[in-house]
Amino acid sequence: MTAAAPDHHDRPSPDTGGPVYLYAVTAARHHEDAAGATGDAGVTDAVGVADAPVRAVTAGEVTALVSSVDPRHLEMVGQRPQEAELAWLEHVARTHNAVVESAFRETTVLPMRIATVHPTEESVREFLRKSSDAILAELARLDGLVEVGVKAYRSTPPAPTEPATAPPAAPTRPESPGRAYLEARRAQRRARADADRDAATLVRAVRDAAVPHAVDQRAHRLQTGELADGPGENIANDAWLVRRDALLALHAAVTACADPAAGRHVEVTGPWAPYSFVRPVAADAG
């Protein structure tokens, strides 16, 4: 969600003195090189929440990407009709991600949690000053690394059909309805157990294939309901921290585990900024 910026002289002063939304932090020198910021509160070409211009706020060696937030938007959180509230939250999430990814295409960034709001721009500068060493250390740790999503799914393959020329089955003694019911239940349990073993085998194979090409891994909650839009039941939803030069190798290794004809599917997404691997940044002691 980026847009070409008009001439900076035509923009109103971006700092309204009120609350600001914090998207990400990065090294000041990298931001100046990549985004053309010219010092504290430099304007970037990104568009933030509610179409507010994104600007760079710098303190020492670190820079934060922020935009002003209308206090009325904050006051209305949780007070809109459900449909409007969901639409607003989706806008915030998509915009946050767009700003982060726009910066990440140019340099290493630390994405902040969605909906991180500081009361003033000076509060952001204070956060940067107190956390500068921790931010720089985390940027160094994640330099050259990206996040990749790897999901595994299982779907039930078509049941085999009987050959058209199969010989007639031998006559058997009629079974009672109760016995037939119990046999059917046992068969269902066996089929489910076989399917669970097969799913566990697929998850283990995918993870084993990814490990040699990755630096770290996070297992996320499985996607269900409206979030489960993949080719079957989601049985693994992992994030992997990967060096850029290992992306193709990891993709080839994990997708080789798939067997769509047998109901085994693997999906790879990314690369993204390393949302799942950013450690909380604490203020420096003293």
C-alpha atoms as a PDB file:
ATOM      1  CA  MET A   1       0.000   0.000   0.000  1.00  0.00           C
ATOM      2  CA  THR A   2       2.516   2.547  -1.198  1.00  0.00           C
ATOM      3  CA  ALA A   3       1.857   5.552  -3.386  1.00  0.00           C
ATOM      4  CA  ALA A   4       3.891   8.136  -5.236  1.00  0.00           C
ATOM      5  CA  ALA A   5       4.361  11.110  -2.961  1.00  0.00           C
ATOM      6  CA  PRO A   6       3.530  14.654  -4.055  1.00  0.00           C
ATOM      7  CA  ASP A   7       6.169  17.318  -3.706  1.00  0.00           C
ATOM      8  CA  HIS A   8       7.164  17.442  -0.035  1.00  0.00           C
ATOM      9  CA  HIS A   9       6.650  21.222   0.082  1.00  0.00           C
ATOM     10  CA  ASP A  10       2.970  20.686  -0.746  1.00  0.00           C
ATOM     11  CA  ARG A  11       2.388  18.450   2.261  1.00  0.00           C
ATOM     12  CA  PRO A  12       1.006  19.808   5.500  1.00  0.00           C
ATOM     13  CA  SER A  13       3.276  19.509   8.509  1.00  0.00           C
ATOM     14  CA  PRO A  14       3.084  15.772   9.285  1.00  0.00           C
ATOM     15  CA  ASP A  15       3.616  16.089  13.045  1.00  0.00           C
ATOM     16  CA  THR A  16       0.291  17.084  14.571  1.00  0.00           C
ATOM     17  CA  GLY A  17       1.623  16.922  18.116  1.00  0.00           C
ATOM     18  CA  GLY A  18      -0.768  14.094  18.906  1.00  0.00           C
ATOM     19  CA  PRO A  19      -0.485  10.301  18.935  1.00  0.00           C
ATOM     20  CA  VAL A  20       1.646   8.532  16.351  1.00  0.00           C
ATOM     21  CA  TYR A  21       1.492   5.008  14.951  1.00  0.00           C
ATOM     22  CA  LEU A  22       4.807   3.127  15.004  1.00  0.00           C
ATOM     23  CA  TYR A  23       5.383   0.669  12.122  1.00  0.00           C
ATOM     24  CA  ALA A  24       9.030  -0.367  12.296  1.00  0.00           C
ATOM     25  CA  VAL A  25      12.523   0.679  13.331  1.00  0.00           C
ATOM     26  CA  THR A  26      15.757   0.494  11.367  1.00  0.00           C
ATOM     27  CA  ALA A  27      19.276   1.874  11.339  1.00  0.00           C
ATOM     28  CA  ALA A  28      19.294   5.610  10.631  1.00  0.00           C
ATOM     29  CA  ARG A  29      22.036   5.485   8.011  1.00  0.00           C
ATOM     30  CA  HIS A  30      20.233   2.728   6.071  1.00  0.00           C
ATOM     31  CA  HIS A  31      16.988   4.652   6.073  1.00  0.00           C
ATOM     32  CA  GLU A  32      18.653   7.807   4.827  1.00  0.00           C
ATOM     33  CA  ASP A  33      20.286   5.909   1.974  1.00  0.00           C
ATOM     34  CA  ALA A  34      17.176   3.963   0.978  1.00  0.00           C
ATOM     35  CA  ALA A  35      14.294   6.360   1.541  1.00  0.00           C
ATOM     36  CA  GLY A  36      15.950   9.708   1.083  1.00  0.00           C
ATOM     37  CA  ALA A  37      15.108  11.035   4.531  1.00  0.00           C
ATOM     38  CA  THR A  38      16.999  14.222   5.331  1.00  0.00           C
ATOM     39  CA  GLY A  39      17.179  14.062   9.104  1.00  0.00           C
ATOM     40  CA  ASP A  40      14.678  13.929  11.914  1.00  0.00           C
ATOM     41  CA  ALA A  41      11.046  13.665  10.784  1.00  0.00           C
ATOM     42  CA  GLY A  42      12.038  13.138   7.158  1.00  0.00           C
ATOM     43  CA  VAL A  43       9.087  12.274   4.885  1.00  0.00           C
ATOM     44  CA  THR A  44       9.028   8.938   3.041  1.00  0.00           C
ATOM     45  CA  ASP A  45       6.971   7.846   0.040  1.00  0.00           C
ATOM     46  CA  ALA A  46       4.807   5.402   2.024  1.00  0.00           C
ATOM     47  CA  VAL A  47       1.186   5.966   3.000  1.00  0.00           C
ATOM     48  CA  GLY A  48       0.105   4.875   6.448  1.00  0.00           C
ATOM     49  CA  VAL A  49      -3.070   4.234   8.398  1.00  0.00           C
ATOM     50  CA  ALA A  50      -5.985   6.405   7.262  1.00  0.00           C
ATOM     51  CA  ASP A  51      -3.813   7.625   4.344  1.00  0.00           C
ATOM     52  CA  ALA A  52      -1.519   9.609   6.649  1.00  0.00           C
ATOM     53  CA  PRO A  53       1.988  10.193   5.254  1.00  0.00           C
ATOM     54  CA  VAL A  54       4.685   8.044   6.818  1.00  0.00           C
ATOM     55  CA  ARG A  55       7.705   9.895   8.162  1.00  0.00           C
ATOM     56  CA  ALA A  56      11.037   8.954   9.686  1.00  0.00           C
ATOM     57  CA  VAL A  57      11.830   9.967  13.252  1.00  0.00           C
ATOM     58  CA  THR A  58      15.511   9.607  14.100  1.00  0.00           C
ATOM     59  CA  ALA A  59      17.373   9.573  17.394  1.00  0.00           C
ATOM     60  CA  GLY A  60      21.083   8.896  17.173  1.00  0.00           C
ATOM     61  CA  GLU A  61      21.754   5.770  15.090  1.00  0.00           C
ATOM     62  CA  VAL A  62      18.188   4.448  14.856  1.00  0.00           C
ATOM     63  CA  THR A  63      15.083   5.550  12.989  1.00  0.00           C
ATOM     64  CA  ALA A  64      11.386   4.847  13.468  1.00  0.00           C
ATOM     65  CA  LEU A  65       8.783   4.902  10.705  1.00  0.00           C
ATOM     66  CA  VAL A  66       5.636   6.567  12.020  1.00  0.00           C
ATOM     67  CA  SER A  67       2.500   8.400  10.953  1.00  0.00           C
ATOM     68  CA  SER A  68       0.135  10.667  12.844  1.00  0.00           C
ATOM     69  CA  VAL A  69      -3.092   9.115  14.128  1.00  0.00           C
ATOM     70  CA  ASP A  70      -6.360  10.976  14.517  1.00  0.00           C
ATOM     71  CA  PRO A  71      -7.317  10.549  18.205  1.00  0.00           C
ATOM     72  CA  ARG A  72     -10.914   9.962  17.105  1.00  0.00           C
ATOM     73  CA  HIS A  73      -9.849   6.696  15.474  1.00  0.00           C
ATOM     74  CA  LEU A  74      -8.382   5.520  18.775  1.00  0.00           C
ATOM     75  CA  GLU A  75     -11.455   6.560  20.751  1.00  0.00           C
ATOM     76  CA  MET A  76     -13.715   4.579  18.404  1.00  0.00           C
ATOM     77  CA  VAL A  77     -11.858   1.272  18.744  1.00  0.00           C
ATOM     78  CA  GLY A  78     -14.412  -1.306  19.808  1.00  0.00           C
ATOM     79  CA  GLN A  79     -17.317   1.138  19.426  1.00  0.00           C
ATOM     80  CA  ARG A  80     -18.054   0.741  15.714  1.00  0.00           C
ATOM     81  CA  PRO A  81     -20.615  -1.721  14.341  1.00  0.00           C
ATOM     82  CA  GLN A  82     -18.959  -5.112  13.977  1.00  0.00           C
ATOM     83  CA  GLU A  83     -18.685  -4.969  10.185  1.00  0.00           C
ATOM     84  CA  ALA A  84     -17.138  -1.490  10.267  1.00  0.00           C
ATOM     85  CA  GLU A  85     -14.778  -2.492  13.071  1.00  0.00           C
ATOM     86  CA  LEU A  86     -13.549  -5.535  11.145  1.00  0.00           C
ATOM     87  CA  ALA A  87     -13.044  -3.431   8.016  1.00  0.00           C
ATOM     88  CA  TRP A  88     -11.029  -0.884  10.013  1.00  0.00           C
ATOM     89  CA  LEU A  89      -8.859  -3.562  11.639  1.00  0.00           C
ATOM     90  CA  GLU A  90      -8.216  -5.148   8.250  1.00  0.00           C
ATOM     91  CA  HIS A  91      -7.181  -1.748   6.872  1.00  0.00           C
ATOM     92  CA  VAL A  92      -4.789  -1.222   9.790  1.00  0.00           C
ATOM     93  CA  ALA A  93      -3.232  -4.679   9.372  1.00  0.00           C
ATOM     94  CA  ARG A  94      -2.815  -4.381   5.612  1.00  0.00           C
ATOM     95  CA  THR A  95      -1.390  -0.870   5.826  1.00  0.00           C
ATOM     96  CA  HIS A  96       1.003  -1.813   8.616  1.00  0.00           C
ATOM     97  CA  ASN A  97       2.302  -4.726   6.560  1.00  0.00           C
ATOM     98  CA  ALA A  98       2.616  -2.601   3.424  1.00  0.00           C
ATOM     99  CA  VAL A  99       4.719   0.037   5.188  1.00  0.00           C
ATOM    100  CA  VAL A 100       6.964  -2.588   6.771  1.00  0.00           C
ATOM    101  CA  GLU A 101       7.441  -4.536   3.532  1.00  0.00           C
ATOM    102  CA  SER A 102       8.167  -1.338   1.590  1.00  0.00           C
ATOM    103  CA  ALA A 103      11.018  -0.534   3.971  1.00  0.00           C
ATOM    104  CA  PHE A 104      12.144  -4.173   4.137  1.00  0.00           C
ATOM    105  CA  ARG A 105      12.710  -4.255   0.381  1.00  0.00           C
ATOM    106  CA  GLU A 106      15.495  -1.729   0.945  1.00  0.00           C
ATOM    107  CA  THR A 107      17.060  -2.640   4.275  1.00  0.00           C
ATOM    108  CA  THR A 108      16.773  -4.676   7.486  1.00  0.00           C
ATOM    109  CA  VAL A 109      13.873  -3.574   9.686  1.00  0.00           C
ATOM    110  CA  LEU A 110      12.320  -4.603  12.973  1.00  0.00           C
ATOM    111  CA  PRO A 111       8.543  -4.696  12.519  1.00  0.00           C
ATOM    112  CA  MET A 112       6.637  -3.432  15.536  1.00  0.00           C
ATOM    113  CA  ARG A 113       3.447  -5.065  16.759  1.00  0.00           C
ATOM    114  CA  ILE A 114       0.337  -4.039  14.848  1.00  0.00           C
ATOM    115  CA  ALA A 115      -1.454  -1.081  16.479  1.00  0.00           C
ATOM    116  CA  THR A 116       1.596   0.154  18.413  1.00  0.00           C
ATOM    117  CA  VAL A 117       0.754   3.782  19.214  1.00  0.00           C
ATOM    118  CA  HIS A 118       2.851   6.331  21.115  1.00  0.00           C
ATOM    119  CA  PRO A 119       1.220   9.391  22.682  1.00  0.00           C
ATOM    120  CA  THR A 120       3.593  11.826  20.954  1.00  0.00           C
ATOM    121  CA  GLU A 121       6.494  11.907  18.539  1.00  0.00           C
ATOM    122  CA  GLU A 122       8.775  12.844  21.418  1.00  0.00           C
ATOM    123  CA  SER A 123       7.725   9.598  23.098  1.00  0.00           C
ATOM    124  CA  VAL A 124       9.004   7.725  20.028  1.00  0.00           C
ATOM    125  CA  ARG A 125      12.331   9.558  20.212  1.00  0.00           C
ATOM    126  CA  GLU A 126      12.622   8.675  23.882  1.00  0.00           C
ATOM    127  CA  PHE A 127      11.953   5.009  23.052  1.00  0.00           C
ATOM    128  CA  LEU A 128      14.661   5.126  20.363  1.00  0.00           C
ATOM    129  CA  ARG A 129      17.193   6.763  22.665  1.00  0.00           C
ATOM    130  CA  LYS A 130      16.627   4.279  25.496  1.00  0.00           C
ATOM    131  CA  SER A 131      16.500   1.211  23.233  1.00  0.00           C
ATOM    132  CA  SER A 132      19.163   2.150  20.691  1.00  0.00           C
ATOM    133  CA  ASP A 133      21.724  -0.516  21.648  1.00  0.00           C
ATOM    134  CA  ALA A 134      19.101  -3.284  21.765  1.00  0.00           C
ATOM    135  CA  ILE A 135      17.636  -2.198  18.419  1.00  0.00           C
ATOM    136  CA  LEU A 136      21.041  -2.155  16.723  1.00  0.00           C
ATOM    137  CA  ALA A 137      21.907  -5.584  18.143  1.00  0.00           C
ATOM    138  CA  GLU A 138      18.633  -7.049  16.893  1.00  0.00           C
ATOM    139  CA  LEU A 139      19.105  -5.472  13.460  1.00  0.00           C
ATOM    140  CA  ALA A 140      22.575  -7.034  13.268  1.00  0.00           C
ATOM    141  CA  ARG A 141      21.181 -10.453  14.265  1.00  0.00           C
ATOM    142  CA  LEU A 142      18.495 -10.357  11.559  1.00  0.00           C
ATOM    143  CA  ASP A 143      20.590  -8.774   8.803  1.00  0.00           C
ATOM    144  CA  GLY A 144      20.278 -10.785   5.588  1.00  0.00           C
ATOM    145  CA  LEU A 145      17.497 -12.994   6.990  1.00  0.00           C
ATOM    146  CA  VAL A 146      13.882 -13.261   5.851  1.00  0.00           C
ATOM    147  CA  GLU A 147      10.772 -15.051   7.065  1.00  0.00           C
ATOM    148  CA  VAL A 148       9.135 -17.768   4.973  1.00  0.00           C
ATOM    149  CA  GLY A 149       5.799 -19.412   5.691  1.00  0.00           C
ATOM    150  CA  VAL A 150       5.470 -23.169   5.145  1.00  0.00           C
ATOM    151  CA  LYS A 151       2.045 -24.775   5.504  1.00  0.00           C
ATOM    152  CA  ALA A 152       1.126 -28.416   5.153  1.00  0.00           C
ATOM    153  CA  TYR A 153      -2.366 -29.681   4.357  1.00  0.00           C
ATOM    154  CA  ARG A 154      -4.046 -33.033   4.092  1.00  0.00           C
ATOM    155  CA  SER A 155      -7.067 -33.865   2.019  1.00  0.00           C
ATOM    156  CA  THR A 156      -8.843 -37.165   1.609  1.00  0.00           C
ATOM    157  CA  PRO A 157      -7.887 -38.787  -1.717  1.00  0.00           C
ATOM    158  CA  PRO A 158     -10.694 -40.239  -3.837  1.00  0.00           C
ATOM    159  CA  ALA A 159     -11.795 -43.650  -2.612  1.00  0.00           C
ATOM    160  CA  PRO A 160     -10.615 -46.458  -4.926  1.00  0.00           C
ATOM    161  CA  THR A 161     -13.321 -47.887  -7.116  1.00  0.00           C
ATOM    162  CA  GLU A 162     -13.949 -51.587  -7.506  1.00  0.00           C
ATOM    163  CA  PRO A 163     -12.930 -53.059 -10.865  1.00  0.00           C
ATOM    164  CA  ALA A 164     -15.880 -53.444 -13.208  1.00  0.00           C
ATOM    165  CA  THR A 165     -15.070 -57.148 -13.677  1.00  0.00           C
ATOM    166  CA  ALA A 166     -14.632 -57.965 -10.002  1.00  0.00           C
ATOM    167  CA  PRO A 167     -15.998 -61.392  -9.150  1.00  0.00           C
ATOM    168  CA  PRO A 168     -19.115 -61.486  -7.011  1.00  0.00           C
ATOM    169  CA  ALA A 169     -18.420 -61.553  -3.293  1.00  0.00           C
ATOM    170  CA  ALA A 170     -18.828 -64.891  -1.551  1.00  0.00           C
ATOM    171  CA  PRO A 171     -22.062 -65.174   0.371  1.00  0.00           C
ATOM    172  CA  THR A 172     -21.705 -64.443   4.056  1.00  0.00           C
ATOM    173  CA  ARG A 173     -23.901 -64.974   7.011  1.00  0.00           C
ATOM    174  CA  PRO A 174     -26.184 -62.020   7.685  1.00  0.00           C
ATOM    175  CA  GLU A 175     -24.951 -59.846  10.547  1.00  0.00           C
ATOM    176  CA  SER A 176     -27.063 -58.196  13.189  1.00  0.00           C
ATOM    177  CA  PRO A 177     -27.524 -54.411  12.877  1.00  0.00           C
ATOM    178  CA  GLY A 178     -25.601 -53.914  16.128  1.00  0.00           C
ATOM    179  CA  ARG A 179     -22.603 -55.911  14.965  1.00  0.00           C
ATOM    180  CA  ALA A 180     -22.546 -54.128  11.610  1.00  0.00           C
ATOM    181  CA  TYR A 181     -22.624 -50.767  13.407  1.00  0.00           C
ATOM    182  CA  LEU A 182     -19.694 -51.686  15.645  1.00  0.00           C
ATOM    183  CA  GLU A 183     -17.663 -52.938  12.679  1.00  0.00           C
ATOM    184  CA  ALA A 184     -18.318 -49.693  10.823  1.00  0.00           C
ATOM    185  CA  ARG A 185     -17.206 -47.649  13.845  1.00  0.00           C
ATOM    186  CA  ARG A 186     -14.008 -49.690  14.183  1.00  0.00           C
ATOM    187  CA  ALA A 187     -13.284 -49.207  10.487  1.00  0.00           C
ATOM    188  CA  GLN A 188     -13.771 -45.448  10.857  1.00  0.00           C
ATOM    189  CA  ARG A 189     -11.393 -45.315  13.826  1.00  0.00           C
ATOM    190  CA  ARG A 190      -8.761 -47.296  11.928  1.00  0.00           C
ATOM    191  CA  ALA A 191      -9.101 -45.006   8.933  1.00  0.00           C
ATOM    192  CA  ARG A 192      -8.782 -41.928  11.133  1.00  0.00           C
ATOM    193  CA  ALA A 193      -5.732 -43.343  12.907  1.00  0.00           C
ATOM    194  CA  ASP A 194      -4.110 -44.125   9.553  1.00  0.00           C
ATOM    195  CA  ALA A 195      -4.855 -40.584   8.349  1.00  0.00           C
ATOM    196  CA  ASP A 196      -3.410 -39.056  11.536  1.00  0.00           C
ATOM    197  CA  ARG A 197      -0.222 -41.102  11.177  1.00  0.00           C
ATOM    198  CA  ASP A 198       0.077 -40.032   7.564  1.00  0.00           C
ATOM    199  CA  ALA A 199      -0.417 -36.372   8.544  1.00  0.00           C
ATOM    200  CA  ALA A 200       2.203 -36.625  11.299  1.00  0.00           C
ATOM    201  CA  THR A 201       4.606 -38.200   8.830  1.00  0.00           C
ATOM    202  CA  LEU A 202       4.070 -35.338   6.369  1.00  0.00           C
ATOM    203  CA  VAL A 203       4.614 -32.661   9.033  1.00  0.00           C
ATOM    204  CA  ARG A 204       7.794 -34.378  10.239  1.00  0.00           C
ATOM    205  CA  ALA A 205       9.086 -34.743   6.684  1.00  0.00           C
ATOM    206  CA  VAL A 206       8.447 -31.075   5.853  1.00  0.00           C
ATOM    207  CA  ARG A 207      10.180 -29.861   9.010  1.00  0.00           C
ATOM    208  CA  ASP A 208      13.123 -32.203   8.554  1.00  0.00           C
ATOM    209  CA  ALA A 209      13.494 -30.971   4.972  1.00  0.00           C
ATOM    210  CA  ALA A 210      13.463 -27.311   6.040  1.00  0.00           C
ATOM    211  CA  VAL A 211      15.913 -27.537   8.961  1.00  0.00           C
ATOM    212  CA  PRO A 212      19.175 -27.707   6.931  1.00  0.00           C
ATOM    213  CA  HIS A 213      18.256 -24.506   5.074  1.00  0.00           C
ATOM    214  CA  ALA A 214      16.945 -22.415   7.986  1.00  0.00           C
ATOM    215  CA  VAL A 215      18.266 -20.520  10.982  1.00  0.00           C
ATOM    216  CA  ASP A 216      15.183 -20.742  13.219  1.00  0.00           C
ATOM    217  CA  GLN A 217      11.562 -21.888  13.232  1.00  0.00           C
ATOM    218  CA  ARG A 218       8.253 -20.940  14.856  1.00  0.00           C
ATOM    219  CA  ALA A 219       5.145 -23.134  14.849  1.00  0.00           C
ATOM    220  CA  HIS A 220       2.003 -21.001  14.610  1.00  0.00           C
ATOM    221  CA  ARG A 221      -1.571 -21.938  15.442  1.00  0.00           C
ATOM    222  CA  LEU A 222      -3.222 -24.056  12.785  1.00  0.00           C
ATOM    223  CA  GLN A 223      -5.652 -22.212  10.549  1.00  0.00           C
ATOM    224  CA  THR A 224      -9.293 -23.185  10.856  1.00  0.00           C
ATOM    225  CA  GLY A 225     -12.653 -21.745   9.868  1.00  0.00           C
ATOM    226  CA  GLU A 226     -12.552 -18.735   7.555  1.00  0.00           C
ATOM    227  CA  LEU A 227      -8.744 -18.576   7.766  1.00  0.00           C
ATOM    228  CA  ALA A 228      -8.387 -22.105   6.402  1.00  0.00           C
ATOM    229  CA  ASP A 229      -8.470 -21.413   2.687  1.00  0.00           C
ATOM    230  CA  GLY A 230      -5.877 -24.008   1.660  1.00  0.00           C
ATOM    231  CA  PRO A 231      -6.303 -27.317  -0.177  1.00  0.00           C
ATOM    232  CA  GLY A 232      -7.611 -29.304   2.765  1.00  0.00           C
ATOM    233  CA  GLU A 233      -7.074 -29.439   6.524  1.00  0.00           C
ATOM    234  CA  ASN A 234      -4.166 -27.345   7.787  1.00  0.00           C
ATOM    235  CA  ILE A 235      -1.814 -29.648   9.742  1.00  0.00           C
ATOM    236  CA  ALA A 236       1.284 -27.414   9.973  1.00  0.00           C
ATOM    237  CA  ASN A 237       1.604 -23.632   9.920  1.00  0.00           C
ATOM    238  CA  ASP A 238       5.267 -22.780  10.420  1.00  0.00           C
ATOM    239  CA  ALA A 239       7.449 -19.721   9.997  1.00  0.00           C
ATOM    240  CA  TRP A 240      11.094 -20.228   9.098  1.00  0.00           C
ATOM    241  CA  LEU A 241      13.928 -17.737   9.389  1.00  0.00           C
ATOM    242  CA  VAL A 242      16.059 -18.154   6.281  1.00  0.00           C
ATOM    243  CA  ARG A 243      19.056 -16.518   4.651  1.00  0.00           C
ATOM    244  CA  ARG A 244      18.174 -15.002   1.317  1.00  0.00           C
ATOM    245  CA  ASP A 245      20.614 -17.226  -0.528  1.00  0.00           C
ATOM    246  CA  ALA A 246      18.903 -20.343   0.910  1.00  0.00           C
ATOM    247  CA  LEU A 247      15.366 -19.473  -0.182  1.00  0.00           C
ATOM    248  CA  LEU A 248      15.313 -21.581  -3.344  1.00  0.00           C
ATOM    249  CA  ALA A 249      16.867 -24.586  -1.606  1.00  0.00           C
ATOM    250  CA  LEU A 250      14.301 -24.501   1.207  1.00  0.00           C
ATOM    251  CA  HIS A 251      11.426 -24.116  -1.267  1.00  0.00           C
ATOM    252  CA  ALA A 252      12.603 -27.110  -3.303  1.00  0.00           C
ATOM    253  CA  ALA A 253      13.177 -29.261  -0.219  1.00  0.00           C
ATOM    254  CA  VAL A 254       9.788 -28.745   1.419  1.00  0.00           C
ATOM    255  CA  THR A 255       7.680 -28.877  -1.738  1.00  0.00           C
ATOM    256  CA  ALA A 256       9.307 -32.208  -2.624  1.00  0.00           C
ATOM    257  CA  CYS A 257       7.407 -33.644   0.355  1.00  0.00           C
ATOM    258  CA  ALA A 258       4.057 -32.979  -1.291  1.00  0.00           C
ATOM    259  CA  ASP A 259       2.014 -35.659  -3.018  1.00  0.00           C
ATOM    260  CA  PRO A 260      -1.279 -34.117  -4.178  1.00  0.00           C
ATOM    261  CA  ALA A 261      -2.560 -37.439  -5.542  1.00  0.00           C
ATOM    262  CA  ALA A 262      -2.294 -38.850  -2.009  1.00  0.00           C
ATOM    263  CA  GLY A 263      -3.841 -35.763  -0.407  1.00  0.00           C
ATOM    264  CA  ARG A 264      -0.544 -34.271   0.828  1.00  0.00           C
ATOM    265  CA  HIS A 265      -0.049 -30.582   0.034  1.00  0.00           C
ATOM    266  CA  VAL A 266       2.685 -28.069   0.912  1.00  0.00           C
ATOM    267  CA  GLU A 267       2.423 -24.299   0.427  1.00  0.00           C
ATOM    268  CA  VAL A 268       5.300 -21.803   0.714  1.00  0.00           C
ATOM    269  CA  THR A 269       4.737 -18.041   1.143  1.00  0.00           C
ATOM    270  CA  GLY A 270       7.079 -15.078   1.422  1.00  0.00           C
ATOM    271  CA  PRO A 271       9.738 -13.949   1.807  1.00  0.00           C
ATOM    272  CA  TRP A 272       8.576 -11.451   4.432  1.00  0.00           C
ATOM    273  CA  ALA A 273      10.106  -9.227   7.038  1.00  0.00           C
ATOM    274  CA  PRO A 274      10.897 -11.450  10.061  1.00  0.00           C
ATOM    275  CA  TYR A 275       7.759 -10.670  12.096  1.00  0.00           C
ATOM    276  CA  SER A 276       7.811 -13.996  13.947  1.00  0.00           C
ATOM    277  CA  PHE A 277      11.455 -13.718  15.009  1.00  0.00           C
ATOM    278  CA  VAL A 278      11.838 -10.175  16.331  1.00  0.00           C
ATOM    279  CA  ARG A 279      12.712 -10.283  20.018  1.00  0.00           C
ATOM    280  CA  PRO A 280      11.069  -7.697  22.278  1.00  0.00           C
ATOM    281  CA  VAL A 281      13.258  -4.604  22.361  1.00  0.00           C
ATOM    282  CA  ALA A 282      13.866  -3.480  25.931  1.00  0.00           C
ATOM    283  CA  ALA A 283      15.193  -0.121  27.006  1.00  0.00           C
ATOM    284  CA  ASP A 284      18.917  -0.049  27.731  1.00  0.00           C
ATOM    285  CA  ALA A 285      19.856  -0.229  31.367  1.00  0.00           C
ATOM    286  CA  GLY A 286      20.734   3.077  32.937  1.00  0.00           C
END
